PDB file of all heavy atoms in Angstrom:
ATOM      1  N   THR A   1       0.810  -1.222   0.000  1.00  0.00           N
ATOM      2  CA  THR A   1       0.000   0.000   0.000  1.00  0.00           C
ATOM      3  C   THR A   1       0.841   1.270   0.000  1.00  0.00           C
ATOM      4  O   THR A   1       0.332   2.354  -0.253  1.00  0.00           O
ATOM      5  CB  THR A   1      -0.930   0.027   1.225  1.00  0.00           C
ATOM      6  OG1 THR A   1      -0.138   0.008   2.420  1.00  0.00           O
ATOM      7  CG2 THR A   1      -1.854  -1.189   1.222  1.00  0.00           C
ATOM      8  N   ASN A   2       2.136   1.131   0.286  1.00  0.00           N
ATOM      9  CA  ASN A   2       3.005   2.314   0.368  1.00  0.00           C
ATOM     10  C   ASN A   2       4.411   1.903  -0.035  1.00  0.00           C
ATOM     11  O   ASN A   2       5.126   1.263   0.738  1.00  0.00           O
ATOM     12  CB  ASN A   2       2.990   2.880   1.790  1.00  0.00           C
ATOM     13  CG  ASN A   2       3.835   4.133   1.928  1.00  0.00           C
ATOM     14  OD1 ASN A   2       4.328   4.678   0.946  1.00  0.00           O
ATOM     15  ND2 ASN A   2       4.019   4.591   3.153  1.00  0.00           N
ATOM     16  N   ASP A   3       4.823   2.272  -1.239  1.00  0.00           N
ATOM     17  CA  ASP A   3       6.140   1.883  -1.742  1.00  0.00           C
ATOM     18  C   ASP A   3       7.187   2.968  -1.540  1.00  0.00           C
ATOM     19  O   ASP A   3       8.151   3.070  -2.298  1.00  0.00           O
ATOM     20  CB  ASP A   3       6.052   1.505  -3.221  1.00  0.00           C
ATOM     21  CG  ASP A   3       5.620   2.685  -4.090  1.00  0.00           C
ATOM     22  OD1 ASP A   3       5.168   3.700  -3.523  1.00  0.00           O
ATOM     23  OD2 ASP A   3       5.735   2.574  -5.326  1.00  0.00           O
ATOM     24  N   THR A   4       7.008   3.787  -0.504  1.00  0.00           N
ATOM     25  CA  THR A   4       7.917   4.915  -0.273  1.00  0.00           C
ATOM     26  C   THR A   4       9.354   4.460  -0.085  1.00  0.00           C
ATOM     27  O   THR A   4      10.289   5.120  -0.570  1.00  0.00           O
ATOM     28  CB  THR A   4       7.458   5.719   0.960  1.00  0.00           C
ATOM     29  OG1 THR A   4       6.084   6.066   0.804  1.00  0.00           O
ATOM     30  CG2 THR A   4       8.274   6.983   1.107  1.00  0.00           C
ATOM     31  N   PHE A   5       9.572   3.363   0.599  1.00  0.00           N
ATOM     32  CA  PHE A   5      10.932   2.885   0.856  1.00  0.00           C
ATOM     33  C   PHE A   5      11.679   2.675  -0.462  1.00  0.00           C
ATOM     34  O   PHE A   5      12.792   3.166  -0.649  1.00  0.00           O
ATOM     35  CB  PHE A   5      10.869   1.594   1.670  1.00  0.00           C
ATOM     36  CG  PHE A   5      12.202   0.991   2.004  1.00  0.00           C
ATOM     37  CD1 PHE A   5      13.311   1.785   2.206  1.00  0.00           C
ATOM     38  CD2 PHE A   5      12.334  -0.387   2.131  1.00  0.00           C
ATOM     39  CE1 PHE A   5      14.551   1.226   2.521  1.00  0.00           C
ATOM     40  CE2 PHE A   5      13.557  -0.951   2.443  1.00  0.00           C
ATOM     41  CZ  PHE A   5      14.662  -0.145   2.630  1.00  0.00           C
ATOM     42  N   SER A   6      11.056   1.957  -1.386  1.00  0.00           N
ATOM     43  CA  SER A   6      11.726   1.658  -2.655  1.00  0.00           C
ATOM     44  C   SER A   6      11.804   2.881  -3.560  1.00  0.00           C
ATOM     45  O   SER A   6      12.622   2.924  -4.488  1.00  0.00           O
ATOM     46  CB  SER A   6      11.006   0.518  -3.381  1.00  0.00           C
ATOM     47  OG  SER A   6       9.639   0.817  -3.581  1.00  0.00           O
ATOM     48  N   ARG A   7      11.003   3.906  -3.327  1.00  0.00           N
ATOM     49  CA  ARG A   7      11.074   5.131  -4.126  1.00  0.00           C
ATOM     50  C   ARG A   7      12.198   6.054  -3.661  1.00  0.00           C
ATOM     51  O   ARG A   7      12.676   6.890  -4.424  1.00  0.00           O
ATOM     52  CB  ARG A   7       9.734   5.871  -4.088  1.00  0.00           C
ATOM     53  CG  ARG A   7       8.659   5.207  -4.940  1.00  0.00           C
ATOM     54  CD  ARG A   7       7.441   6.075  -5.115  1.00  0.00           C
ATOM     55  NE  ARG A   7       6.587   6.084  -3.926  1.00  0.00           N
ATOM     56  CZ  ARG A   7       6.359   7.154  -3.180  1.00  0.00           C
ATOM     57  NH1 ARG A   7       6.939   8.295  -3.488  1.00  0.00           N
ATOM     58  NH2 ARG A   7       5.566   7.089  -2.136  1.00  0.00           N
ATOM     59  N   TYR A   8      12.622   5.929  -2.409  1.00  0.00           N
ATOM     60  CA  TYR A   8      13.680   6.791  -1.879  1.00  0.00           C
ATOM     61  C   TYR A   8      15.058   6.140  -1.956  1.00  0.00           C
ATOM     62  O   TYR A   8      16.068   6.830  -2.057  1.00  0.00           O
ATOM     63  CB  TYR A   8      13.402   7.149  -0.418  1.00  0.00           C
ATOM     64  CG  TYR A   8      12.465   8.311  -0.243  1.00  0.00           C
ATOM     65  CD1 TYR A   8      11.096   8.122  -0.182  1.00  0.00           C
ATOM     66  CD2 TYR A   8      12.939   9.612  -0.138  1.00  0.00           C
ATOM     67  CE1 TYR A   8      10.223   9.184  -0.012  1.00  0.00           C
ATOM     68  CE2 TYR A   8      12.083  10.686   0.023  1.00  0.00           C
ATOM     69  CZ  TYR A   8      10.722  10.464   0.090  1.00  0.00           C
ATOM     70  OH  TYR A   8       9.857  11.522   0.249  1.00  0.00           O
ATOM     71  N   ILE A   9      15.115   4.835  -1.856  1.00  0.00           N
ATOM     72  CA  ILE A   9      16.382   4.117  -1.785  1.00  0.00           C
ATOM     73  C   ILE A   9      16.525   3.220  -3.010  1.00  0.00           C
ATOM     74  O   ILE A   9      15.595   2.483  -3.363  1.00  0.00           O
ATOM     75  CB  ILE A   9      16.467   3.259  -0.495  1.00  0.00           C
ATOM     76  CG1 ILE A   9      16.170   4.117   0.744  1.00  0.00           C
ATOM     77  CG2 ILE A   9      17.838   2.609  -0.391  1.00  0.00           C
ATOM     78  CD1 ILE A   9      17.189   5.187   1.036  1.00  0.00           C
ATOM     79  N   ASP A  10      17.687   3.281  -3.641  1.00  0.00           N
ATOM     80  CA  ASP A  10      17.935   2.443  -4.813  1.00  0.00           C
ATOM     81  C   ASP A  10      18.146   0.978  -4.402  1.00  0.00           C
ATOM     82  O   ASP A  10      18.558   0.684  -3.277  1.00  0.00           O
ATOM     83  CB  ASP A  10      19.173   2.941  -5.562  1.00  0.00           C
ATOM     84  CG  ASP A  10      18.994   4.342  -6.126  1.00  0.00           C
ATOM     85  OD1 ASP A  10      17.827   4.699  -6.421  1.00  0.00           O
ATOM     86  OD2 ASP A  10      19.999   5.072  -6.252  1.00  0.00           O
ATOM     87  N   LYS A  11      17.854   0.099  -5.354  1.00  0.00           N
ATOM     88  CA  LYS A  11      18.123  -1.334  -5.205  1.00  0.00           C
ATOM     89  C   LYS A  11      17.329  -1.960  -4.064  1.00  0.00           C
ATOM     90  O   LYS A  11      17.830  -2.861  -3.361  1.00  0.00           O
ATOM     91  CB  LYS A  11      19.619  -1.587  -5.026  1.00  0.00           C
ATOM     92  CG  LYS A  11      20.449  -1.134  -6.216  1.00  0.00           C
ATOM     93  CD  LYS A  11      21.929  -1.432  -6.015  1.00  0.00           C
ATOM     94  CE  LYS A  11      22.737  -0.966  -7.232  1.00  0.00           C
ATOM     95  NZ  LYS A  11      24.192  -1.236  -7.075  1.00  0.00           N
ATOM     96  N   VAL A  12      16.114  -1.483  -3.868  1.00  0.00           N
ATOM     97  CA  VAL A  12      15.206  -2.120  -2.917  1.00  0.00           C
ATOM     98  C   VAL A  12      14.317  -3.078  -3.698  1.00  0.00           C
ATOM     99  O   VAL A  12      13.599  -2.661  -4.611  1.00  0.00           O
ATOM    100  CB  VAL A  12      14.345  -1.089  -2.165  1.00  0.00           C
ATOM    101  CG1 VAL A  12      13.330  -1.791  -1.261  1.00  0.00           C
ATOM    102  CG2 VAL A  12      15.230  -0.160  -1.341  1.00  0.00           C
ATOM    103  N   ALA A  13      14.372  -4.351  -3.359  1.00  0.00           N
ATOM    104  CA  ALA A  13      13.611  -5.363  -4.094  1.00  0.00           C
ATOM    105  C   ALA A  13      12.146  -5.331  -3.673  1.00  0.00           C
ATOM    106  O   ALA A  13      11.818  -5.084  -2.500  1.00  0.00           O
ATOM    107  CB  ALA A  13      14.199  -6.743  -3.845  1.00  0.00           C
ATOM    108  N   ARG A  14      11.267  -5.575  -4.634  1.00  0.00           N
ATOM    109  CA  ARG A  14       9.840  -5.671  -4.380  1.00  0.00           C
ATOM    110  C   ARG A  14       9.291  -6.916  -5.059  1.00  0.00           C
ATOM    111  O   ARG A  14       9.719  -7.267  -6.168  1.00  0.00           O
ATOM    112  CB  ARG A  14       9.101  -4.438  -4.907  1.00  0.00           C
ATOM    113  CG  ARG A  14       9.205  -3.226  -4.024  1.00  0.00           C
ATOM    114  CD  ARG A  14       8.425  -2.049  -4.580  1.00  0.00           C
ATOM    115  NE  ARG A  14       6.992  -2.315  -4.640  1.00  0.00           N
ATOM    116  CZ  ARG A  14       6.164  -2.172  -3.606  1.00  0.00           C
ATOM    117  NH1 ARG A  14       6.627  -1.788  -2.437  1.00  0.00           N
ATOM    118  NH2 ARG A  14       4.875  -2.399  -3.754  1.00  0.00           N
ATOM    119  N   PRO A  15       8.355  -7.597  -4.408  1.00  0.00           N
ATOM    120  CA  PRO A  15       7.766  -8.773  -5.046  1.00  0.00           C
ATOM    121  C   PRO A  15       6.909  -8.358  -6.232  1.00  0.00           C
ATOM    122  O   PRO A  15       6.520  -7.186  -6.340  1.00  0.00           O
ATOM    123  CB  PRO A  15       6.916  -9.391  -3.933  1.00  0.00           C
ATOM    124  CG  PRO A  15       6.596  -8.244  -3.031  1.00  0.00           C
ATOM    125  CD  PRO A  15       7.785  -7.335  -3.085  1.00  0.00           C
ATOM    126  N   PRO A  16       6.623  -9.278  -7.149  1.00  0.00           N
ATOM    127  CA  PRO A  16       5.739  -8.939  -8.272  1.00  0.00           C
ATOM    128  C   PRO A  16       4.387  -8.467  -7.771  1.00  0.00           C
ATOM    129  O   PRO A  16       3.923  -8.873  -6.694  1.00  0.00           O
ATOM    130  CB  PRO A  16       5.612 -10.274  -9.035  1.00  0.00           C
ATOM    131  CG  PRO A  16       6.795 -11.077  -8.600  1.00  0.00           C
ATOM    132  CD  PRO A  16       7.088 -10.671  -7.196  1.00  0.00           C
ATOM    133  N   GLU A  17       3.777  -7.554  -8.531  1.00  0.00           N
ATOM    134  CA  GLU A  17       2.463  -7.051  -8.159  1.00  0.00           C
ATOM    135  C   GLU A  17       1.463  -8.196  -8.183  1.00  0.00           C
ATOM    136  O   GLU A  17       1.135  -8.736  -9.240  1.00  0.00           O
ATOM    137  CB  GLU A  17       2.028  -5.937  -9.119  1.00  0.00           C
ATOM    138  CG  GLU A  17       2.889  -4.687  -9.045  1.00  0.00           C
ATOM    139  CD  GLU A  17       2.731  -3.953  -7.713  1.00  0.00           C
ATOM    140  OE1 GLU A  17       1.684  -4.157  -7.046  1.00  0.00           O
ATOM    141  OE2 GLU A  17       3.643  -3.205  -7.333  1.00  0.00           O
ATOM    142  N   THR A  18       1.012  -8.598  -7.033  1.00  0.00           N
ATOM    143  CA  THR A  18       0.071  -9.701  -6.942  1.00  0.00           C
ATOM    144  C   THR A  18      -0.735  -9.566  -5.671  1.00  0.00           C
ATOM    145  O   THR A  18      -0.268  -8.992  -4.681  1.00  0.00           O
ATOM    146  CB  THR A  18       0.788 -11.062  -6.962  1.00  0.00           C
ATOM    147  OG1 THR A  18      -0.169 -12.112  -6.799  1.00  0.00           O
ATOM    148  CG2 THR A  18       1.819 -11.158  -5.844  1.00  0.00           C
ATOM    149  N   ILE A  19      -1.916 -10.074  -5.697  1.00  0.00           N
ATOM    150  CA  ILE A  19      -2.742 -10.072  -4.492  1.00  0.00           C
ATOM    151  C   ILE A  19      -2.764 -11.450  -3.848  1.00  0.00           C
ATOM    152  O   ILE A  19      -3.496 -11.682  -2.889  1.00  0.00           O
ATOM    153  CB  ILE A  19      -4.178  -9.617  -4.820  1.00  0.00           C
ATOM    154  CG1 ILE A  19      -4.821 -10.568  -5.859  1.00  0.00           C
ATOM    155  CG2 ILE A  19      -4.198  -8.177  -5.280  1.00  0.00           C
ATOM    156  CD1 ILE A  19      -6.295 -10.279  -6.116  1.00  0.00           C
ATOM    157  N   ASP A  20      -1.952 -12.354  -4.400  1.00  0.00           N
ATOM    158  CA  ASP A  20      -1.916 -13.724  -3.882  1.00  0.00           C
ATOM    159  C   ASP A  20      -0.943 -13.790  -2.703  1.00  0.00           C
ATOM    160  O   ASP A  20       0.275 -13.680  -2.894  1.00  0.00           O
ATOM    161  CB  ASP A  20      -1.478 -14.678  -4.991  1.00  0.00           C
ATOM    162  CG  ASP A  20      -1.557 -16.139  -4.561  1.00  0.00           C
ATOM    163  OD1 ASP A  20      -1.865 -16.385  -3.384  1.00  0.00           O
ATOM    164  OD2 ASP A  20      -1.307 -17.021  -5.401  1.00  0.00           O
ATOM    165  N   PRO A  21      -1.422 -13.963  -1.497  1.00  0.00           N
ATOM    166  CA  PRO A  21      -0.522 -14.032  -0.340  1.00  0.00           C
ATOM    167  C   PRO A  21       0.481 -15.169  -0.451  1.00  0.00           C
ATOM    168  O   PRO A  21       1.608 -15.058   0.059  1.00  0.00           O
ATOM    169  CB  PRO A  21      -1.475 -14.236   0.838  1.00  0.00           C
ATOM    170  CG  PRO A  21      -2.799 -13.745   0.367  1.00  0.00           C
ATOM    171  CD  PRO A  21      -2.836 -14.054  -1.093  1.00  0.00           C
ATOM    172  N   ALA A  22       0.108 -16.250  -1.113  1.00  0.00           N
ATOM    173  CA  ALA A  22       1.022 -17.377  -1.245  1.00  0.00           C
ATOM    174  C   ALA A  22       2.246 -17.006  -2.062  1.00  0.00           C
ATOM    175  O   ALA A  22       3.372 -17.432  -1.763  1.00  0.00           O
ATOM    176  CB  ALA A  22       0.299 -18.568  -1.882  1.00  0.00           C
ATOM    177  N   MET A  23       2.043 -16.165  -3.102  1.00  0.00           N
ATOM    178  CA  MET A  23       3.168 -15.740  -3.914  1.00  0.00           C
ATOM    179  C   MET A  23       4.098 -14.815  -3.120  1.00  0.00           C
ATOM    180  O   MET A  23       5.325 -14.904  -3.232  1.00  0.00           O
ATOM    181  CB  MET A  23       2.663 -15.024  -5.157  1.00  0.00           C
ATOM    182  CG  MET A  23       1.966 -15.947  -6.153  1.00  0.00           C
ATOM    183  SD  MET A  23       3.087 -17.218  -6.794  1.00  0.00           S
ATOM    184  CE  MET A  23       4.261 -16.210  -7.689  1.00  0.00           C
ATOM    185  N   SER A  24       3.518 -13.922  -2.320  1.00  0.00           N
ATOM    186  CA  SER A  24       4.343 -13.041  -1.487  1.00  0.00           C
ATOM    187  C   SER A  24       5.151 -13.839  -0.483  1.00  0.00           C
ATOM    188  O   SER A  24       6.327 -13.540  -0.220  1.00  0.00           O
ATOM    189  CB  SER A  24       3.457 -12.020  -0.767  1.00  0.00           C
ATOM    190  OG  SER A  24       2.813 -11.166  -1.680  1.00  0.00           O
ATOM    191  N   LEU A  25       4.542 -14.873   0.066  1.00  0.00           N
ATOM    192  CA  LEU A  25       5.235 -15.722   1.035  1.00  0.00           C
ATOM    193  C   LEU A  25       6.394 -16.447   0.360  1.00  0.00           C
ATOM    194  O   LEU A  25       7.497 -16.539   0.920  1.00  0.00           O
ATOM    195  CB  LEU A  25       4.258 -16.714   1.650  1.00  0.00           C
ATOM    196  CG  LEU A  25       4.845 -17.718   2.641  1.00  0.00           C
ATOM    197  CD1 LEU A  25       5.484 -17.002   3.819  1.00  0.00           C
ATOM    198  CD2 LEU A  25       3.761 -18.680   3.128  1.00  0.00           C
ATOM    199  N   LYS A  26       6.160 -16.944  -0.824  1.00  0.00           N
ATOM    200  CA  LYS A  26       7.223 -17.654  -1.548  1.00  0.00           C
ATOM    201  C   LYS A  26       8.368 -16.703  -1.879  1.00  0.00           C
ATOM    202  O   LYS A  26       9.543 -17.069  -1.791  1.00  0.00           O
ATOM    203  CB  LYS A  26       6.649 -18.270  -2.824  1.00  0.00           C
ATOM    204  CG  LYS A  26       7.614 -19.172  -3.566  1.00  0.00           C
ATOM    205  CD  LYS A  26       6.924 -19.857  -4.739  1.00  0.00           C
ATOM    206  CE  LYS A  26       7.866 -20.825  -5.442  1.00  0.00           C
ATOM    207  NZ  LYS A  26       7.194 -21.516  -6.579  1.00  0.00           N
ATOM    208  N   TRP A  27       8.019 -15.477  -2.247  1.00  0.00           N
ATOM    209  CA  TRP A  27       9.041 -14.481  -2.574  1.00  0.00           C
ATOM    210  C   TRP A  27       9.891 -14.162  -1.348  1.00  0.00           C
ATOM    211  O   TRP A  27      11.126 -14.103  -1.425  1.00  0.00           O
ATOM    212  CB  TRP A  27       8.359 -13.222  -3.099  1.00  0.00           C
ATOM    213  CG  TRP A  27       9.282 -12.194  -3.657  1.00  0.00           C
ATOM    214  CD1 TRP A  27       9.734 -12.097  -4.939  1.00  0.00           C
ATOM    215  CD2 TRP A  27       9.872 -11.106  -2.933  1.00  0.00           C
ATOM    216  NE1 TRP A  27      10.566 -11.014  -5.080  1.00  0.00           N
ATOM    217  CE2 TRP A  27      10.671 -10.377  -3.864  1.00  0.00           C
ATOM    218  CE3 TRP A  27       9.807 -10.667  -1.619  1.00  0.00           C
ATOM    219  CZ2 TRP A  27      11.391  -9.248  -3.501  1.00  0.00           C
ATOM    220  CZ3 TRP A  27      10.540  -9.542  -1.261  1.00  0.00           C
ATOM    221  CH2 TRP A  27      11.320  -8.840  -2.190  1.00  0.00           C
ATOM    222  N   LEU A  28       9.254 -13.950  -0.199  1.00  0.00           N
ATOM    223  CA  LEU A  28       9.992 -13.665   1.031  1.00  0.00           C
ATOM    224  C   LEU A  28      10.847 -14.861   1.429  1.00  0.00           C
ATOM    225  O   LEU A  28      11.988 -14.699   1.885  1.00  0.00           O
ATOM    226  CB  LEU A  28       9.022 -13.313   2.163  1.00  0.00           C
ATOM    227  CG  LEU A  28       9.649 -13.053   3.538  1.00  0.00           C
ATOM    228  CD1 LEU A  28      10.624 -11.881   3.475  1.00  0.00           C
ATOM    229  CD2 LEU A  28       8.575 -12.797   4.587  1.00  0.00           C
ATOM    230  N   ASP A  29      10.321 -16.057   1.254  1.00  0.00           N
ATOM    231  CA  ASP A  29      11.066 -17.277   1.577  1.00  0.00           C
ATOM    232  C   ASP A  29      12.381 -17.312   0.808  1.00  0.00           C
ATOM    233  O   ASP A  29      13.457 -17.577   1.373  1.00  0.00           O
ATOM    234  CB  ASP A  29      10.197 -18.495   1.256  1.00  0.00           C
ATOM    235  CG  ASP A  29      10.823 -19.794   1.727  1.00  0.00           C
ATOM    236  OD1 ASP A  29      11.854 -20.194   1.134  1.00  0.00           O
ATOM    237  OD2 ASP A  29      10.285 -20.424   2.655  1.00  0.00           O
ATOM    238  N   ARG A  30      12.313 -17.035  -0.488  1.00  0.00           N
ATOM    239  CA  ARG A  30      13.519 -17.071  -1.314  1.00  0.00           C
ATOM    240  C   ARG A  30      14.488 -15.942  -0.937  1.00  0.00           C
ATOM    241  O   ARG A  30      15.709 -16.142  -0.932  1.00  0.00           O
ATOM    242  CB  ARG A  30      13.136 -16.962  -2.788  1.00  0.00           C
ATOM    243  CG  ARG A  30      12.446 -18.217  -3.336  1.00  0.00           C
ATOM    244  CD  ARG A  30      12.105 -18.058  -4.801  1.00  0.00           C
ATOM    245  NE  ARG A  30      11.525 -19.291  -5.339  1.00  0.00           N
ATOM    246  CZ  ARG A  30      11.096 -19.415  -6.593  1.00  0.00           C
ATOM    247  NH1 ARG A  30      11.179 -18.373  -7.431  1.00  0.00           N
ATOM    248  NH2 ARG A  30      10.588 -20.558  -7.012  1.00  0.00           N
TER     249      ARG A  30
END
């Protein structure tokens, strides 16, 4: 809901735009 961190600091990784919690969990796991 707020991507301010990645807009101020370079090289901040973000998961793909998805509403699937399972995909976000898999991304964080990796």
